[in-house]
Amino acid sequence: MVCVGLALALCALQLVPAALAGPQLQLLVERSGARRLRKVGGFAWENCGDKRDPVVLQSLSVAPDPITIPGSLRVSAAVKSGKTMGSPLKAVLVVEKALGDLWIQLPCIDQLGSCTYNDVCSILDELIPPGTPCPEPLLTYGIPCHCPFKAGSYSLPASDFDVPDVELPSWMTNGNYRVRVVVSNGGEELSCVKLAFSLHSH
């Protein structure tokens, strides 16, 4: 169940700039010009669900730290799922940015930021049309990218990804961020993962 557990990690790594691109504290930063994301560092993760959650991120390694953008990224991960999960899968993201000693929750605008996605399976079908092969390296290692996700263990050995140039809006400031992702089905929590990282741009 990579696109819900592992994808919470892998997709988060690739989509972190987009996921955080909600309009954070507009009074703090002027909206003029755009900047290039140059580094993502201080990456950390942890499971945050109770011990009964059937889906657990067992390992996640990201190198180098910091990640230089554009550049290359090496990721390895493992997920264990104790039950088959089908549609609809709901994902709730809470995205926060550090402001001094405080953590400020960023709002959800245009489906980015602290958002609720009620049907992750449909989103995956839009990104990767059903009937088309899963992208590499998921295909090579037999990692599914569509619902339903069967129970079992999935692992991604150390794999290299190219990270493209990323342009940030001017109001997306440098600093420390954290993301909490909870995946559920029919009100039952399946998995909870926390990610933390810092952004540096110019």
N, C-alpha and C. Protein backbone atom coordinates (compact mmCIF):
# COMPACT_ATOMS: atom_id res chain seq x y z
N MET A 1 0.85 -1.18 0.00
CA MET A 1 0.00 0.00 0.00
C MET A 1 0.86 1.21 0.00
N VAL A 2 1.59 1.27 -1.10
CA VAL A 2 2.59 2.32 -1.19
C VAL A 2 2.00 3.68 -1.43
N CYS A 3 0.96 3.77 -2.23
CA CYS A 3 0.43 5.10 -2.52
C CYS A 3 -0.42 5.62 -1.40
N VAL A 4 -0.54 4.90 -0.31
CA VAL A 4 -1.20 5.45 0.86
C VAL A 4 -0.23 5.49 2.03
N GLY A 5 0.56 4.45 2.18
CA GLY A 5 1.57 4.48 3.23
C GLY A 5 2.88 4.97 2.68
N LEU A 6 3.43 4.19 1.74
CA LEU A 6 4.70 4.58 1.14
C LEU A 6 4.53 5.87 0.35
N ALA A 7 3.38 6.03 -0.28
CA ALA A 7 3.18 7.26 -1.04
C ALA A 7 3.03 8.43 -0.11
N LEU A 8 2.60 8.22 1.08
CA LEU A 8 2.58 9.32 2.03
C LEU A 8 4.00 9.78 2.28
N ALA A 9 4.92 8.87 2.09
CA ALA A 9 6.32 9.24 2.21
C ALA A 9 6.89 9.67 0.87
N LEU A 10 6.82 8.77 -0.12
CA LEU A 10 7.40 9.07 -1.43
C LEU A 10 6.72 10.25 -2.10
N CYS A 11 5.38 10.20 -2.13
CA CYS A 11 4.67 11.29 -2.77
C CYS A 11 4.86 12.57 -1.98
N ALA A 12 4.93 12.44 -0.68
CA ALA A 12 5.16 13.65 0.12
C ALA A 12 6.50 14.25 -0.23
N LEU A 13 7.50 13.42 -0.41
CA LEU A 13 8.81 13.94 -0.75
C LEU A 13 8.79 14.64 -2.11
N GLN A 14 8.07 14.05 -3.06
CA GLN A 14 8.04 14.64 -4.38
C GLN A 14 7.07 15.81 -4.46
N LEU A 15 6.03 15.79 -3.61
CA LEU A 15 4.99 16.81 -3.70
C LEU A 15 5.01 17.76 -2.52
N VAL A 16 6.03 17.67 -1.68
CA VAL A 16 6.10 18.53 -0.51
C VAL A 16 5.92 20.00 -0.86
N PRO A 17 6.62 20.52 -1.87
CA PRO A 17 6.42 21.93 -2.19
C PRO A 17 4.97 22.22 -2.55
N ALA A 18 4.30 21.33 -3.26
CA ALA A 18 2.90 21.56 -3.61
C ALA A 18 2.01 21.41 -2.39
N ALA A 19 2.29 20.39 -1.58
CA ALA A 19 1.45 20.16 -0.42
C ALA A 19 1.49 21.32 0.56
N LEU A 20 2.58 22.03 0.56
CA LEU A 20 2.72 23.15 1.49
C LEU A 20 2.37 24.48 0.86
N ALA A 21 1.95 24.45 -0.38
CA ALA A 21 1.76 25.70 -1.10
C ALA A 21 0.41 26.35 -0.81
N GLY A 22 -0.13 26.10 0.35
CA GLY A 22 -1.32 26.83 0.75
C GLY A 22 -0.91 28.23 1.18
N PRO A 23 -1.85 29.16 1.24
CA PRO A 23 -1.52 30.56 1.54
C PRO A 23 -1.23 30.76 3.02
N GLN A 24 0.00 30.57 3.42
CA GLN A 24 0.33 30.70 4.82
C GLN A 24 0.42 32.16 5.22
N LEU A 25 -0.03 32.48 6.38
CA LEU A 25 0.09 33.79 7.02
C LEU A 25 0.47 34.91 6.06
N GLN A 26 -0.51 35.38 5.35
CA GLN A 26 -0.24 36.33 4.28
C GLN A 26 0.30 37.66 4.80
N LEU A 27 0.09 37.94 6.07
CA LEU A 27 0.58 39.20 6.62
C LEU A 27 2.08 39.18 6.84
N LEU A 28 2.67 37.99 6.84
CA LEU A 28 4.09 37.89 7.16
C LEU A 28 4.98 38.16 5.96
N VAL A 29 4.49 37.83 4.77
CA VAL A 29 5.35 37.89 3.60
C VAL A 29 4.62 38.57 2.45
N GLU A 30 5.30 39.42 1.73
CA GLU A 30 4.70 40.05 0.56
C GLU A 30 4.60 39.06 -0.58
N ARG A 31 3.54 39.19 -1.37
CA ARG A 31 3.35 38.30 -2.52
C ARG A 31 3.93 38.95 -3.76
N SER A 32 5.22 39.01 -3.85
CA SER A 32 5.82 39.61 -5.05
C SER A 32 6.98 38.75 -5.51
N GLY A 33 6.92 38.33 -6.77
CA GLY A 33 8.00 37.52 -7.31
C GLY A 33 7.95 36.09 -6.84
N ALA A 34 8.72 35.27 -7.50
CA ALA A 34 8.79 33.85 -7.13
C ALA A 34 10.24 33.48 -6.89
N ARG A 35 10.42 32.44 -6.08
CA ARG A 35 11.77 31.99 -5.77
C ARG A 35 11.91 30.52 -6.12
N ARG A 36 13.15 30.08 -6.21
CA ARG A 36 13.45 28.68 -6.51
C ARG A 36 13.76 27.94 -5.22
N LEU A 37 13.13 26.78 -5.07
CA LEU A 37 13.47 25.92 -3.95
C LEU A 37 14.84 25.33 -4.19
N ARG A 38 15.73 25.45 -3.24
CA ARG A 38 17.11 24.99 -3.41
C ARG A 38 17.47 23.81 -2.54
N LYS A 39 16.91 23.75 -1.32
CA LYS A 39 17.28 22.65 -0.44
C LYS A 39 16.09 22.25 0.44
N VAL A 40 15.98 20.94 0.68
CA VAL A 40 15.05 20.41 1.67
C VAL A 40 15.89 19.56 2.61
N GLY A 41 15.87 19.90 3.89
CA GLY A 41 16.74 19.20 4.84
C GLY A 41 16.04 18.88 6.13
N GLY A 42 16.79 18.28 7.03
CA GLY A 42 16.27 17.94 8.35
C GLY A 42 15.08 17.00 8.29
N PHE A 43 15.08 16.08 7.31
CA PHE A 43 13.92 15.20 7.13
C PHE A 43 13.84 14.18 8.25
N ALA A 44 12.63 14.03 8.81
CA ALA A 44 12.39 13.03 9.86
C ALA A 44 10.97 12.52 9.71
N TRP A 45 10.71 11.34 10.25
CA TRP A 45 9.37 10.77 10.17
C TRP A 45 9.10 9.91 11.39
N GLU A 46 7.82 9.67 11.65
CA GLU A 46 7.42 8.74 12.70
C GLU A 46 5.97 8.33 12.47
N ASN A 47 5.63 7.13 12.93
CA ASN A 47 4.24 6.72 12.95
C ASN A 47 3.56 7.41 14.12
N CYS A 48 2.31 7.84 13.92
CA CYS A 48 1.63 8.56 14.99
C CYS A 48 0.30 7.93 15.37
N GLY A 49 -0.04 6.78 14.78
CA GLY A 49 -1.29 6.12 15.14
C GLY A 49 -1.12 5.26 16.38
N ASP A 50 -2.25 4.71 16.85
CA ASP A 50 -2.12 3.80 17.98
C ASP A 50 -1.61 2.46 17.46
N LYS A 51 -1.28 1.58 18.37
CA LYS A 51 -0.65 0.31 17.99
C LYS A 51 -1.60 -0.62 17.24
N ARG A 52 -2.88 -0.25 17.17
CA ARG A 52 -3.83 -1.09 16.45
C ARG A 52 -3.96 -0.71 14.98
N ASP A 53 -3.34 0.38 14.54
CA ASP A 53 -3.42 0.77 13.13
C ASP A 53 -2.89 -0.36 12.27
N PRO A 54 -3.66 -0.80 11.27
CA PRO A 54 -3.22 -1.93 10.46
C PRO A 54 -2.11 -1.62 9.46
N VAL A 55 -1.90 -0.35 9.17
CA VAL A 55 -0.88 0.01 8.19
C VAL A 55 0.22 0.80 8.88
N VAL A 56 1.45 0.30 8.78
CA VAL A 56 2.57 0.92 9.51
C VAL A 56 3.72 1.15 8.55
N LEU A 57 4.25 2.35 8.59
CA LEU A 57 5.48 2.64 7.86
C LEU A 57 6.63 2.10 8.70
N GLN A 58 7.30 1.06 8.21
CA GLN A 58 8.32 0.38 9.01
C GLN A 58 9.68 1.05 8.90
N SER A 59 9.99 1.59 7.73
CA SER A 59 11.27 2.26 7.57
C SER A 59 11.16 3.27 6.43
N LEU A 60 11.97 4.30 6.53
CA LEU A 60 12.04 5.31 5.47
C LEU A 60 13.39 6.00 5.58
N SER A 61 14.14 5.94 4.50
CA SER A 61 15.46 6.58 4.47
C SER A 61 15.55 7.48 3.25
N VAL A 62 16.03 8.70 3.49
CA VAL A 62 16.17 9.68 2.42
C VAL A 62 17.58 10.24 2.45
N ALA A 63 18.23 10.27 1.31
CA ALA A 63 19.59 10.79 1.22
C ALA A 63 19.76 11.52 -0.11
N PRO A 64 20.59 12.55 -0.16
CA PRO A 64 21.36 13.12 0.95
C PRO A 64 20.50 14.04 1.81
N ASP A 65 21.05 14.52 2.87
CA ASP A 65 20.38 15.50 3.72
C ASP A 65 21.38 16.64 4.00
N PRO A 66 21.11 17.83 3.48
CA PRO A 66 19.91 18.23 2.76
C PRO A 66 19.89 17.77 1.32
N ILE A 67 18.67 17.72 0.77
CA ILE A 67 18.47 17.40 -0.64
C ILE A 67 18.66 18.68 -1.44
N THR A 68 19.54 18.64 -2.43
CA THR A 68 19.76 19.80 -3.28
C THR A 68 18.81 19.72 -4.48
N ILE A 69 18.18 20.86 -4.79
CA ILE A 69 17.19 20.90 -5.87
C ILE A 69 17.59 21.94 -6.91
N PRO A 70 17.64 21.59 -8.21
CA PRO A 70 17.44 20.25 -8.74
C PRO A 70 18.61 19.34 -8.38
N GLY A 71 18.36 18.04 -8.44
CA GLY A 71 19.40 17.07 -8.10
C GLY A 71 18.82 15.68 -8.04
N SER A 72 19.53 14.79 -7.36
CA SER A 72 19.07 13.41 -7.26
C SER A 72 18.80 13.07 -5.79
N LEU A 73 17.92 12.11 -5.62
CA LEU A 73 17.46 11.73 -4.30
C LEU A 73 17.41 10.21 -4.24
N ARG A 74 17.90 9.62 -3.16
CA ARG A 74 17.84 8.17 -2.97
C ARG A 74 16.90 7.87 -1.81
N VAL A 75 15.91 7.03 -2.09
CA VAL A 75 14.88 6.71 -1.11
C VAL A 75 14.76 5.21 -0.95
N SER A 76 14.63 4.74 0.28
CA SER A 76 14.25 3.35 0.55
C SER A 76 13.15 3.39 1.60
N ALA A 77 12.23 2.44 1.51
CA ALA A 77 11.10 2.45 2.43
C ALA A 77 10.49 1.06 2.52
N ALA A 78 9.74 0.84 3.61
CA ALA A 78 9.02 -0.41 3.78
C ALA A 78 7.72 -0.12 4.53
N VAL A 79 6.65 -0.77 4.06
CA VAL A 79 5.33 -0.60 4.65
C VAL A 79 4.73 -1.97 4.91
N LYS A 80 4.07 -2.14 6.05
CA LYS A 80 3.38 -3.38 6.35
C LYS A 80 1.90 -3.09 6.53
N SER A 81 1.06 -3.82 5.80
CA SER A 81 -0.38 -3.62 5.86
C SER A 81 -1.05 -4.88 6.37
N GLY A 82 -1.86 -4.76 7.40
CA GLY A 82 -2.52 -5.91 7.99
C GLY A 82 -3.89 -6.19 7.41
N LYS A 83 -4.35 -5.34 6.47
CA LYS A 83 -5.65 -5.60 5.87
C LYS A 83 -5.71 -5.00 4.48
N THR A 84 -6.57 -5.57 3.65
CA THR A 84 -6.78 -5.03 2.31
C THR A 84 -7.60 -3.75 2.42
N MET A 85 -7.19 -2.75 1.69
CA MET A 85 -7.87 -1.46 1.75
C MET A 85 -8.39 -1.07 0.38
N GLY A 86 -9.67 -0.73 0.33
CA GLY A 86 -10.28 -0.33 -0.92
C GLY A 86 -10.96 1.01 -0.79
N SER A 87 -11.58 1.42 -1.87
CA SER A 87 -12.25 2.72 -1.93
C SER A 87 -13.49 2.72 -1.03
N PRO A 88 -13.81 3.86 -0.41
CA PRO A 88 -13.06 5.11 -0.49
C PRO A 88 -12.03 5.22 0.64
N LEU A 89 -10.84 5.63 0.30
CA LEU A 89 -9.81 5.90 1.31
C LEU A 89 -9.75 7.40 1.53
N LYS A 90 -9.86 7.80 2.77
CA LYS A 90 -9.85 9.22 3.13
C LYS A 90 -8.49 9.59 3.73
N ALA A 91 -7.92 10.69 3.27
CA ALA A 91 -6.65 11.18 3.83
C ALA A 91 -6.84 12.59 4.34
N VAL A 92 -6.43 12.81 5.58
CA VAL A 92 -6.51 14.13 6.19
C VAL A 92 -5.10 14.62 6.47
N LEU A 93 -4.73 15.74 5.85
CA LEU A 93 -3.41 16.34 6.03
C LEU A 93 -3.50 17.57 6.91
N VAL A 94 -2.60 17.65 7.87
CA VAL A 94 -2.44 18.87 8.66
C VAL A 94 -1.01 19.35 8.44
N VAL A 95 -0.88 20.52 7.83
CA VAL A 95 0.42 21.09 7.49
C VAL A 95 0.67 22.29 8.39
N GLU A 96 1.81 22.30 9.07
CA GLU A 96 2.14 23.39 9.99
C GLU A 96 3.53 23.94 9.70
N LYS A 97 3.68 25.22 9.99
CA LYS A 97 4.98 25.89 9.85
C LYS A 97 5.37 26.50 11.18
N ALA A 98 6.64 26.37 11.52
CA ALA A 98 7.12 26.94 12.78
C ALA A 98 7.23 28.45 12.67
N LEU A 99 6.69 29.12 13.67
CA LEU A 99 6.81 30.58 13.78
C LEU A 99 7.31 30.86 15.19
N GLY A 100 8.64 30.96 15.31
CA GLY A 100 9.23 31.04 16.64
C GLY A 100 9.02 29.71 17.35
N ASP A 101 8.42 29.78 18.55
CA ASP A 101 8.14 28.56 19.30
C ASP A 101 6.75 28.01 19.00
N LEU A 102 6.02 28.67 18.12
CA LEU A 102 4.66 28.25 17.80
C LEU A 102 4.62 27.50 16.47
N TRP A 103 3.63 26.63 16.35
CA TRP A 103 3.35 25.97 15.08
C TRP A 103 2.03 26.49 14.56
N ILE A 104 2.05 27.07 13.36
CA ILE A 104 0.86 27.66 12.75
C ILE A 104 0.33 26.73 11.67
N GLN A 105 -0.94 26.34 11.79
CA GLN A 105 -1.53 25.46 10.78
C GLN A 105 -1.85 26.25 9.53
N LEU A 106 -1.40 25.74 8.38
CA LEU A 106 -1.67 26.38 7.10
C LEU A 106 -3.03 25.93 6.59
N PRO A 107 -3.78 26.84 5.98
CA PRO A 107 -5.12 26.48 5.51
C PRO A 107 -5.09 25.65 4.23
N CYS A 108 -6.25 25.20 3.83
CA CYS A 108 -6.39 24.44 2.58
C CYS A 108 -6.96 25.37 1.51
N ILE A 109 -6.19 25.63 0.47
CA ILE A 109 -6.64 26.46 -0.64
C ILE A 109 -6.30 25.73 -1.93
N ASP A 110 -7.27 25.61 -2.82
CA ASP A 110 -7.06 24.93 -4.10
C ASP A 110 -6.49 23.52 -3.90
N GLN A 111 -7.01 22.82 -2.88
CA GLN A 111 -6.63 21.44 -2.59
C GLN A 111 -5.17 21.29 -2.18
N LEU A 112 -4.57 22.36 -1.68
CA LEU A 112 -3.19 22.31 -1.18
C LEU A 112 -3.16 22.84 0.24
N GLY A 113 -2.28 22.27 1.07
CA GLY A 113 -2.16 22.69 2.45
C GLY A 113 -2.82 21.67 3.37
N SER A 114 -3.45 22.17 4.44
CA SER A 114 -4.12 21.28 5.41
C SER A 114 -5.48 20.89 4.86
N CYS A 115 -5.50 19.86 4.05
CA CYS A 115 -6.70 19.48 3.31
C CYS A 115 -7.18 18.09 3.67
N THR A 116 -8.46 17.84 3.37
CA THR A 116 -9.04 16.52 3.50
C THR A 116 -9.36 16.00 2.10
N TYR A 117 -8.85 14.82 1.80
CA TYR A 117 -9.11 14.18 0.51
C TYR A 117 -10.00 12.97 0.77
N ASN A 118 -11.25 13.04 0.33
CA ASN A 118 -12.23 12.02 0.69
C ASN A 118 -12.12 10.74 -0.13
N ASP A 119 -11.43 10.80 -1.27
CA ASP A 119 -11.33 9.61 -2.12
C ASP A 119 -9.95 9.55 -2.77
N VAL A 120 -8.98 9.04 -2.02
CA VAL A 120 -7.61 8.95 -2.52
C VAL A 120 -7.54 8.02 -3.73
N CYS A 121 -8.38 6.99 -3.74
CA CYS A 121 -8.36 6.04 -4.86
C CYS A 121 -8.65 6.74 -6.18
N SER A 122 -9.63 7.63 -6.18
CA SER A 122 -9.97 8.37 -7.40
C SER A 122 -8.84 9.28 -7.84
N ILE A 123 -8.17 9.89 -6.85
CA ILE A 123 -7.03 10.76 -7.17
C ILE A 123 -5.92 9.95 -7.83
N LEU A 124 -5.66 8.75 -7.29
CA LEU A 124 -4.63 7.89 -7.89
C LEU A 124 -5.02 7.50 -9.31
N ASP A 125 -6.32 7.23 -9.54
CA ASP A 125 -6.78 6.87 -10.88
C ASP A 125 -6.60 8.02 -11.86
N GLU A 126 -6.73 9.25 -11.37
CA GLU A 126 -6.52 10.41 -12.24
C GLU A 126 -5.05 10.58 -12.58
N LEU A 127 -4.19 10.35 -11.58
CA LEU A 127 -2.75 10.51 -11.79
C LEU A 127 -2.19 9.40 -12.67
N ILE A 128 -2.66 8.18 -12.43
CA ILE A 128 -2.20 7.01 -13.18
C ILE A 128 -3.44 6.27 -13.67
N PRO A 129 -3.86 6.52 -14.91
CA PRO A 129 -5.11 5.92 -15.40
C PRO A 129 -5.11 4.40 -15.24
N PRO A 130 -6.24 3.84 -14.78
CA PRO A 130 -6.33 2.38 -14.64
C PRO A 130 -6.00 1.69 -15.96
N GLY A 131 -5.29 0.58 -15.86
CA GLY A 131 -4.89 -0.14 -17.05
C GLY A 131 -3.50 0.19 -17.53
N THR A 132 -2.95 1.30 -17.05
CA THR A 132 -1.57 1.65 -17.41
C THR A 132 -0.65 1.12 -16.32
N PRO A 133 0.57 0.74 -16.69
CA PRO A 133 1.50 0.19 -15.70
C PRO A 133 1.84 1.23 -14.63
N CYS A 134 2.11 0.75 -13.43
CA CYS A 134 2.60 1.64 -12.38
C CYS A 134 3.96 2.18 -12.80
N PRO A 135 4.27 3.41 -12.41
CA PRO A 135 5.57 3.97 -12.79
C PRO A 135 6.72 3.27 -12.07
N GLU A 136 7.88 3.36 -12.68
CA GLU A 136 9.07 2.84 -12.01
C GLU A 136 9.46 3.76 -10.86
N PRO A 137 10.05 3.23 -9.80
CA PRO A 137 10.44 1.82 -9.61
C PRO A 137 9.34 0.96 -8.99
N LEU A 138 8.12 1.50 -8.83
CA LEU A 138 7.06 0.70 -8.23
C LEU A 138 6.81 -0.58 -9.01
N LEU A 139 6.81 -0.47 -10.34
CA LEU A 139 6.53 -1.63 -11.19
C LEU A 139 7.54 -2.74 -10.96
N THR A 140 8.81 -2.38 -10.93
CA THR A 140 9.88 -3.38 -10.77
C THR A 140 9.74 -4.16 -9.47
N TYR A 141 9.34 -3.47 -8.39
CA TYR A 141 9.31 -4.12 -7.08
C TYR A 141 7.92 -4.59 -6.69
N GLY A 142 6.98 -4.58 -7.65
CA GLY A 142 5.66 -5.13 -7.38
C GLY A 142 4.85 -4.34 -6.38
N ILE A 143 5.04 -3.02 -6.38
CA ILE A 143 4.33 -2.15 -5.44
C ILE A 143 3.11 -1.57 -6.16
N PRO A 144 1.90 -1.79 -5.63
CA PRO A 144 0.69 -1.33 -6.31
C PRO A 144 0.54 0.19 -6.25
N CYS A 145 -0.17 0.72 -7.25
CA CYS A 145 -0.43 2.17 -7.29
C CYS A 145 -1.92 2.45 -7.48
N HIS A 146 -2.75 1.43 -7.32
CA HIS A 146 -4.20 1.60 -7.42
C HIS A 146 -4.89 0.82 -6.31
N CYS A 147 -6.08 1.26 -5.95
CA CYS A 147 -6.90 0.52 -5.01
C CYS A 147 -7.52 -0.68 -5.74
N PRO A 148 -7.80 -1.78 -5.01
CA PRO A 148 -7.52 -1.96 -3.58
C PRO A 148 -6.06 -2.35 -3.34
N PHE A 149 -5.59 -2.01 -2.16
CA PHE A 149 -4.24 -2.39 -1.75
C PHE A 149 -4.35 -3.64 -0.87
N LYS A 150 -3.78 -4.71 -1.33
CA LYS A 150 -3.89 -5.97 -0.60
C LYS A 150 -3.02 -5.94 0.65
N ALA A 151 -3.44 -6.73 1.64
CA ALA A 151 -2.63 -6.87 2.85
C ALA A 151 -1.30 -7.51 2.49
N GLY A 152 -0.27 -7.10 3.22
CA GLY A 152 1.05 -7.67 2.96
C GLY A 152 2.14 -6.68 3.28
N SER A 153 3.36 -7.05 2.96
CA SER A 153 4.52 -6.19 3.18
C SER A 153 5.06 -5.72 1.85
N TYR A 154 5.35 -4.44 1.76
CA TYR A 154 5.88 -3.84 0.54
C TYR A 154 7.17 -3.12 0.89
N SER A 155 8.19 -3.31 0.06
CA SER A 155 9.45 -2.62 0.33
C SER A 155 10.02 -2.05 -0.96
N LEU A 156 10.59 -0.89 -0.83
CA LEU A 156 11.28 -0.22 -1.93
C LEU A 156 12.76 -0.17 -1.58
N PRO A 157 13.59 -1.00 -2.22
CA PRO A 157 15.04 -0.90 -1.97
C PRO A 157 15.54 0.48 -2.39
N ALA A 158 16.73 0.83 -1.95
CA ALA A 158 17.29 2.14 -2.26
C ALA A 158 17.17 2.42 -3.75
N SER A 159 16.41 3.47 -4.10
CA SER A 159 16.13 3.82 -5.49
C SER A 159 16.38 5.30 -5.70
N ASP A 160 16.90 5.63 -6.87
CA ASP A 160 17.23 7.02 -7.18
C ASP A 160 16.10 7.69 -7.93
N PHE A 161 15.83 8.93 -7.54
CA PHE A 161 14.82 9.76 -8.19
C PHE A 161 15.46 11.08 -8.57
N ASP A 162 15.07 11.60 -9.73
CA ASP A 162 15.51 12.94 -10.13
C ASP A 162 14.52 13.95 -9.58
N VAL A 163 15.04 14.97 -8.92
CA VAL A 163 14.20 16.03 -8.37
C VAL A 163 14.32 17.24 -9.28
N PRO A 164 13.22 17.66 -9.91
CA PRO A 164 13.29 18.77 -10.86
C PRO A 164 13.38 20.12 -10.16
N ASP A 165 13.63 21.13 -10.95
CA ASP A 165 13.62 22.51 -10.44
C ASP A 165 12.23 22.84 -9.95
N VAL A 166 12.12 23.48 -8.80
CA VAL A 166 10.82 23.80 -8.20
C VAL A 166 10.75 25.30 -7.94
N GLU A 167 9.70 25.93 -8.45
CA GLU A 167 9.50 27.36 -8.21
C GLU A 167 8.47 27.53 -7.10
N LEU A 168 8.82 28.33 -6.13
CA LEU A 168 7.93 28.56 -4.99
C LEU A 168 7.28 29.94 -5.10
N PRO A 169 6.04 30.06 -4.65
CA PRO A 169 5.44 31.39 -4.55
C PRO A 169 6.17 32.19 -3.48
N SER A 170 6.15 33.50 -3.60
CA SER A 170 6.93 34.34 -2.69
C SER A 170 6.47 34.21 -1.25
N TRP A 171 5.21 33.84 -1.04
CA TRP A 171 4.70 33.76 0.33
C TRP A 171 5.02 32.43 1.00
N MET A 172 5.70 31.54 0.29
CA MET A 172 6.13 30.28 0.92
C MET A 172 7.53 30.48 1.45
N THR A 173 7.62 30.81 2.72
CA THR A 173 8.87 31.24 3.31
C THR A 173 9.77 30.07 3.71
N ASN A 174 11.05 30.38 3.85
CA ASN A 174 11.99 29.40 4.40
C ASN A 174 11.58 29.07 5.83
N GLY A 175 11.93 27.88 6.26
CA GLY A 175 11.65 27.53 7.65
C GLY A 175 11.37 26.06 7.84
N ASN A 176 10.90 25.73 9.04
CA ASN A 176 10.64 24.35 9.43
C ASN A 176 9.15 24.03 9.29
N TYR A 177 8.87 22.85 8.75
CA TYR A 177 7.50 22.42 8.52
C TYR A 177 7.30 21.03 9.08
N ARG A 178 6.04 20.73 9.38
CA ARG A 178 5.69 19.36 9.73
C ARG A 178 4.31 19.04 9.13
N VAL A 179 4.16 17.78 8.75
CA VAL A 179 2.93 17.31 8.10
C VAL A 179 2.46 16.06 8.82
N ARG A 180 1.18 16.03 9.15
CA ARG A 180 0.57 14.84 9.76
C ARG A 180 -0.47 14.31 8.79
N VAL A 181 -0.37 13.05 8.44
CA VAL A 181 -1.28 12.43 7.47
C VAL A 181 -1.99 11.26 8.14
N VAL A 182 -3.31 11.30 8.14
CA VAL A 182 -4.11 10.20 8.68
C VAL A 182 -4.96 9.63 7.55
N VAL A 183 -4.86 8.33 7.33
CA VAL A 183 -5.64 7.64 6.31
C VAL A 183 -6.67 6.77 7.00
N SER A 184 -7.92 6.84 6.51
CA SER A 184 -9.00 6.08 7.14
C SER A 184 -9.96 5.55 6.08
N ASN A 185 -10.80 4.62 6.51
CA ASN A 185 -11.83 4.05 5.64
C ASN A 185 -13.04 3.78 6.51
N GLY A 186 -14.16 4.42 6.16
CA GLY A 186 -15.39 4.22 6.93
C GLY A 186 -15.26 4.60 8.38
N GLY A 187 -14.45 5.59 8.67
CA GLY A 187 -14.28 6.04 10.05
C GLY A 187 -13.21 5.28 10.81
N GLU A 188 -12.67 4.22 10.23
CA GLU A 188 -11.60 3.45 10.89
C GLU A 188 -10.24 3.99 10.47
N GLU A 189 -9.44 4.40 11.45
CA GLU A 189 -8.09 4.86 11.14
C GLU A 189 -7.23 3.69 10.70
N LEU A 190 -6.56 3.86 9.55
CA LEU A 190 -5.71 2.80 9.02
C LEU A 190 -4.24 3.09 9.24
N SER A 191 -3.86 4.36 9.14
CA SER A 191 -2.45 4.71 9.25
C SER A 191 -2.32 6.18 9.62
N CYS A 192 -1.26 6.49 10.35
CA CYS A 192 -0.94 7.87 10.70
C CYS A 192 0.57 8.04 10.62
N VAL A 193 1.01 9.02 9.84
CA VAL A 193 2.44 9.27 9.66
C VAL A 193 2.71 10.76 9.82
N LYS A 194 3.79 11.08 10.52
CA LYS A 194 4.24 12.46 10.64
C LYS A 194 5.55 12.64 9.89
N LEU A 195 5.65 13.72 9.14
CA LEU A 195 6.88 14.08 8.43
C LEU A 195 7.32 15.46 8.90
N ALA A 196 8.62 15.66 8.96
CA ALA A 196 9.17 16.97 9.32
C ALA A 196 10.34 17.28 8.41
N PHE A 197 10.50 18.56 8.06
CA PHE A 197 11.58 18.97 7.15
C PHE A 197 11.70 20.48 7.18
N SER A 198 12.77 20.98 6.60
CA SER A 198 12.96 22.43 6.46
C SER A 198 13.14 22.76 4.99
N LEU A 199 12.68 23.95 4.60
CA LEU A 199 12.80 24.43 3.23
C LEU A 199 13.75 25.61 3.17
N HIS A 200 14.57 25.64 2.11
CA HIS A 200 15.49 26.76 1.89
C HIS A 200 15.41 27.15 0.42
N SER A 201 15.19 28.42 0.17
CA SER A 201 15.06 28.89 -1.21
C SER A 201 15.79 30.22 -1.36
N HIS A 202 15.85 30.68 -2.60
CA HIS A 202 16.39 32.03 -2.84
C HIS A 202 15.77 32.61 -4.09
